[in-house]
Amino acid sequence: MTAPEHRTEMIIRFSIWDQVTDATGLTTATRPRTDSAPGKP
């Protein structure tokens, strides 16, 4: 598998995972990442 193919595969996998876990109605690109924001416990 070439690097671009690997990157495409990971983008697809993480997008699906994100949608299944908690991104209902939102796209991966626009959902804020509050879980890793500085200052959060």
PDB file of N, CA and C in Angstrom:
ATOM      1  N   MET A   1       0.861  -1.184   0.000  1.00  0.00           N
ATOM      2  CA  MET A   1       0.000   0.000   0.000  1.00  0.00           C
ATOM      3  C   MET A   1       0.899   1.236   0.000  1.00  0.00           C
ATOM      4  N   THR A   2       0.620   2.143  -0.911  1.00  0.00           N
ATOM      5  CA  THR A   2       1.409   3.373  -0.982  1.00  0.00           C
ATOM      6  C   THR A   2       0.967   4.346   0.115  1.00  0.00           C
ATOM      7  N   ALA A   3       1.770   5.369   0.351  1.00  0.00           N
ATOM      8  CA  ALA A   3       1.434   6.359   1.376  1.00  0.00           C
ATOM      9  C   ALA A   3       0.099   7.061   1.089  1.00  0.00           C
ATOM     10  N   PRO A   4      -0.155   7.516  -0.143  1.00  0.00           N
ATOM     11  CA  PRO A   4      -1.455   8.149  -0.411  1.00  0.00           C
ATOM     12  C   PRO A   4      -2.636   7.194  -0.204  1.00  0.00           C
ATOM     13  N   GLU A   5      -2.459   5.922  -0.550  1.00  0.00           N
ATOM     14  CA  GLU A   5      -3.528   4.946  -0.327  1.00  0.00           C
ATOM     15  C   GLU A   5      -3.775   4.751   1.166  1.00  0.00           C
ATOM     16  N   HIS A   6      -2.703   4.697   1.939  1.00  0.00           N
ATOM     17  CA  HIS A   6      -2.825   4.538   3.389  1.00  0.00           C
ATOM     18  C   HIS A   6      -3.545   5.732   3.998  1.00  0.00           C
ATOM     19  N   ARG A   7      -3.154   6.920   3.574  1.00  0.00           N
ATOM     20  CA  ARG A   7      -3.802   8.144   4.078  1.00  0.00           C
ATOM     21  C   ARG A   7      -5.298   8.132   3.762  1.00  0.00           C
ATOM     22  N   THR A   8      -5.657   7.786   2.551  1.00  0.00           N
ATOM     23  CA  THR A   8      -7.070   7.723   2.167  1.00  0.00           C
ATOM     24  C   THR A   8      -7.816   6.718   3.026  1.00  0.00           C
ATOM     25  N   GLU A   9      -7.229   5.559   3.240  1.00  0.00           N
ATOM     26  CA  GLU A   9      -7.850   4.516   4.060  1.00  0.00           C
ATOM     27  C   GLU A   9      -8.080   5.012   5.484  1.00  0.00           C
ATOM     28  N   MET A  10      -7.096   5.684   6.065  1.00  0.00           N
ATOM     29  CA  MET A  10      -7.230   6.169   7.436  1.00  0.00           C
ATOM     30  C   MET A  10      -8.267   7.284   7.535  1.00  0.00           C
ATOM     31  N   ILE A  11      -8.326   8.156   6.547  1.00  0.00           N
ATOM     32  CA  ILE A  11      -9.347   9.218   6.547  1.00  0.00           C
ATOM     33  C   ILE A  11     -10.738   8.596   6.550  1.00  0.00           C
ATOM     34  N   ILE A  12     -10.937   7.595   5.709  1.00  0.00           N
ATOM     35  CA  ILE A  12     -12.235   6.919   5.648  1.00  0.00           C
ATOM     36  C   ILE A  12     -12.558   6.246   6.975  1.00  0.00           C
ATOM     37  N   ARG A  13     -11.608   5.509   7.520  1.00  0.00           N
ATOM     38  CA  ARG A  13     -11.844   4.798   8.790  1.00  0.00           C
ATOM     39  C   ARG A  13     -12.150   5.754   9.938  1.00  0.00           C
ATOM     40  N   PHE A  14     -11.367   6.821  10.071  1.00  0.00           N
ATOM     41  CA  PHE A  14     -11.598   7.758  11.165  1.00  0.00           C
ATOM     42  C   PHE A  14     -12.891   8.534  10.980  1.00  0.00           C
ATOM     43  N   SER A  15     -13.251   8.841   9.733  1.00  0.00           N
ATOM     44  CA  SER A  15     -14.516   9.530   9.483  1.00  0.00           C
ATOM     45  C   SER A  15     -15.696   8.660   9.897  1.00  0.00           C
ATOM     46  N   ILE A  16     -15.652   7.394   9.556  1.00  0.00           N
ATOM     47  CA  ILE A  16     -16.715   6.466   9.946  1.00  0.00           C
ATOM     48  C   ILE A  16     -16.760   6.326  11.460  1.00  0.00           C
ATOM     49  N   TRP A  17     -15.603   6.150  12.081  1.00  0.00           N
ATOM     50  CA  TRP A  17     -15.534   6.001  13.540  1.00  0.00           C
ATOM     51  C   TRP A  17     -16.100   7.235  14.230  1.00  0.00           C
ATOM     52  N   ASP A  18     -15.735   8.410  13.735  1.00  0.00           N
ATOM     53  CA  ASP A  18     -16.211   9.661  14.324  1.00  0.00           C
ATOM     54  C   ASP A  18     -17.725   9.771  14.212  1.00  0.00           C
ATOM     55  N   GLN A  19     -18.267   9.414  13.061  1.00  0.00           N
ATOM     56  CA  GLN A  19     -19.716   9.483  12.874  1.00  0.00           C
ATOM     57  C   GLN A  19     -20.445   8.482  13.757  1.00  0.00           C
ATOM     58  N   VAL A  20     -19.923   7.297  13.897  1.00  0.00           N
ATOM     59  CA  VAL A  20     -20.568   6.262  14.701  1.00  0.00           C
ATOM     60  C   VAL A  20     -20.514   6.609  16.189  1.00  0.00           C
ATOM     61  N   THR A  21     -19.422   7.185  16.648  1.00  0.00           N
ATOM     62  CA  THR A  21     -19.261   7.451  18.072  1.00  0.00           C
ATOM     63  C   THR A  21     -20.026   8.664  18.586  1.00  0.00           C
ATOM     64  N   ASP A  22     -19.961   9.809  17.891  1.00  0.00           N
ATOM     65  CA  ASP A  22     -20.655  10.974  18.457  1.00  0.00           C
ATOM     66  C   ASP A  22     -20.833  12.163  17.521  1.00  0.00           C
ATOM     67  N   ALA A  23     -20.729  12.000  16.255  1.00  0.00           N
ATOM     68  CA  ALA A  23     -20.804  13.155  15.355  1.00  0.00           C
ATOM     69  C   ALA A  23     -22.100  13.173  14.547  1.00  0.00           C
ATOM     70  N   THR A  24     -23.189  12.745  15.121  1.00  0.00           N
ATOM     71  CA  THR A  24     -24.469  12.698  14.418  1.00  0.00           C
ATOM     72  C   THR A  24     -24.843  14.076  13.885  1.00  0.00           C
ATOM     73  N   GLY A  25     -25.051  14.156  12.585  1.00  0.00           N
ATOM     74  CA  GLY A  25     -25.467  15.400  11.955  1.00  0.00           C
ATOM     75  C   GLY A  25     -24.357  16.385  11.670  1.00  0.00           C
ATOM     76  N   LEU A  26     -23.133  16.081  12.052  1.00  0.00           N
ATOM     77  CA  LEU A  26     -22.011  16.984  11.819  1.00  0.00           C
ATOM     78  C   LEU A  26     -20.952  16.289  10.979  1.00  0.00           C
ATOM     79  N   THR A  27     -20.204  17.065  10.222  1.00  0.00           N
ATOM     80  CA  THR A  27     -19.105  16.486   9.460  1.00  0.00           C
ATOM     81  C   THR A  27     -17.846  16.489  10.311  1.00  0.00           C
ATOM     82  N   THR A  28     -16.950  15.609  10.005  1.00  0.00           N
ATOM     83  CA  THR A  28     -15.709  15.505  10.761  1.00  0.00           C
ATOM     84  C   THR A  28     -14.886  16.786  10.659  1.00  0.00           C
ATOM     85  N   ALA A  29     -14.897  17.417   9.501  1.00  0.00           N
ATOM     86  CA  ALA A  29     -14.068  18.599   9.274  1.00  0.00           C
ATOM     87  C   ALA A  29     -14.518  19.814  10.084  1.00  0.00           C
ATOM     88  N   THR A  30     -15.801  19.897  10.433  1.00  0.00           N
ATOM     89  CA  THR A  30     -16.288  21.102  11.105  1.00  0.00           C
ATOM     90  C   THR A  30     -16.579  20.899  12.585  1.00  0.00           C
ATOM     91  N   ARG A  31     -16.520  19.677  13.083  1.00  0.00           N
ATOM     92  CA  ARG A  31     -16.831  19.421  14.482  1.00  0.00           C
ATOM     93  C   ARG A  31     -15.667  19.859  15.365  1.00  0.00           C
ATOM     94  N   PRO A  32     -15.894  20.736  16.332  1.00  0.00           N
ATOM     95  CA  PRO A  32     -14.807  21.169  17.207  1.00  0.00           C
ATOM     96  C   PRO A  32     -14.319  20.031  18.100  1.00  0.00           C
ATOM     97  N   ARG A  33     -13.035  19.999  18.330  1.00  0.00           N
ATOM     98  CA  ARG A  33     -12.427  18.956  19.152  1.00  0.00           C
ATOM     99  C   ARG A  33     -12.302  19.441  20.587  1.00  0.00           C
ATOM    100  N   THR A  34     -13.405  19.514  21.308  1.00  0.00           N
ATOM    101  CA  THR A  34     -13.395  20.009  22.682  1.00  0.00           C
ATOM    102  C   THR A  34     -12.786  19.008  23.655  1.00  0.00           C
ATOM    103  N   ASP A  35     -12.747  17.729  23.277  1.00  0.00           N
ATOM    104  CA  ASP A  35     -12.204  16.720  24.181  1.00  0.00           C
ATOM    105  C   ASP A  35     -10.701  16.877  24.392  1.00  0.00           C
ATOM    106  N   SER A  36     -10.005  17.563  23.485  1.00  0.00           N
ATOM    107  CA  SER A  36      -8.572  17.735  23.628  1.00  0.00           C
ATOM    108  C   SER A  36      -8.176  19.204  23.780  1.00  0.00           C
ATOM    109  N   ALA A  37      -9.141  20.036  24.145  1.00  0.00           N
ATOM    110  CA  ALA A  37      -8.872  21.455  24.302  1.00  0.00           C
ATOM    111  C   ALA A  37      -7.978  21.708  25.522  1.00  0.00           C
ATOM    112  N   PRO A  38      -7.048  22.648  25.434  1.00  0.00           N
ATOM    113  CA  PRO A  38      -6.190  22.968  26.581  1.00  0.00           C
ATOM    114  C   PRO A  38      -7.033  23.420  27.780  1.00  0.00           C
ATOM    115  N   GLY A  39      -6.618  23.032  28.950  1.00  0.00           N
ATOM    116  CA  GLY A  39      -7.313  23.439  30.155  1.00  0.00           C
ATOM    117  C   GLY A  39      -8.444  22.506  30.582  1.00  0.00           C
ATOM    118  N   LYS A  40      -8.772  21.540  29.737  1.00  0.00           N
ATOM    119  CA  LYS A  40      -9.820  20.575  30.097  1.00  0.00           C
ATOM    120  C   LYS A  40      -9.191  19.440  30.898  1.00  0.00           C
ATOM    121  N   PRO A  41      -9.894  18.953  31.892  1.00  0.00           N
ATOM    122  CA  PRO A  41      -9.337  17.847  32.692  1.00  0.00           C
ATOM    123  C   PRO A  41      -9.303  16.546  31.901  1.00  0.00           C
TER     124      PRO A  41
END
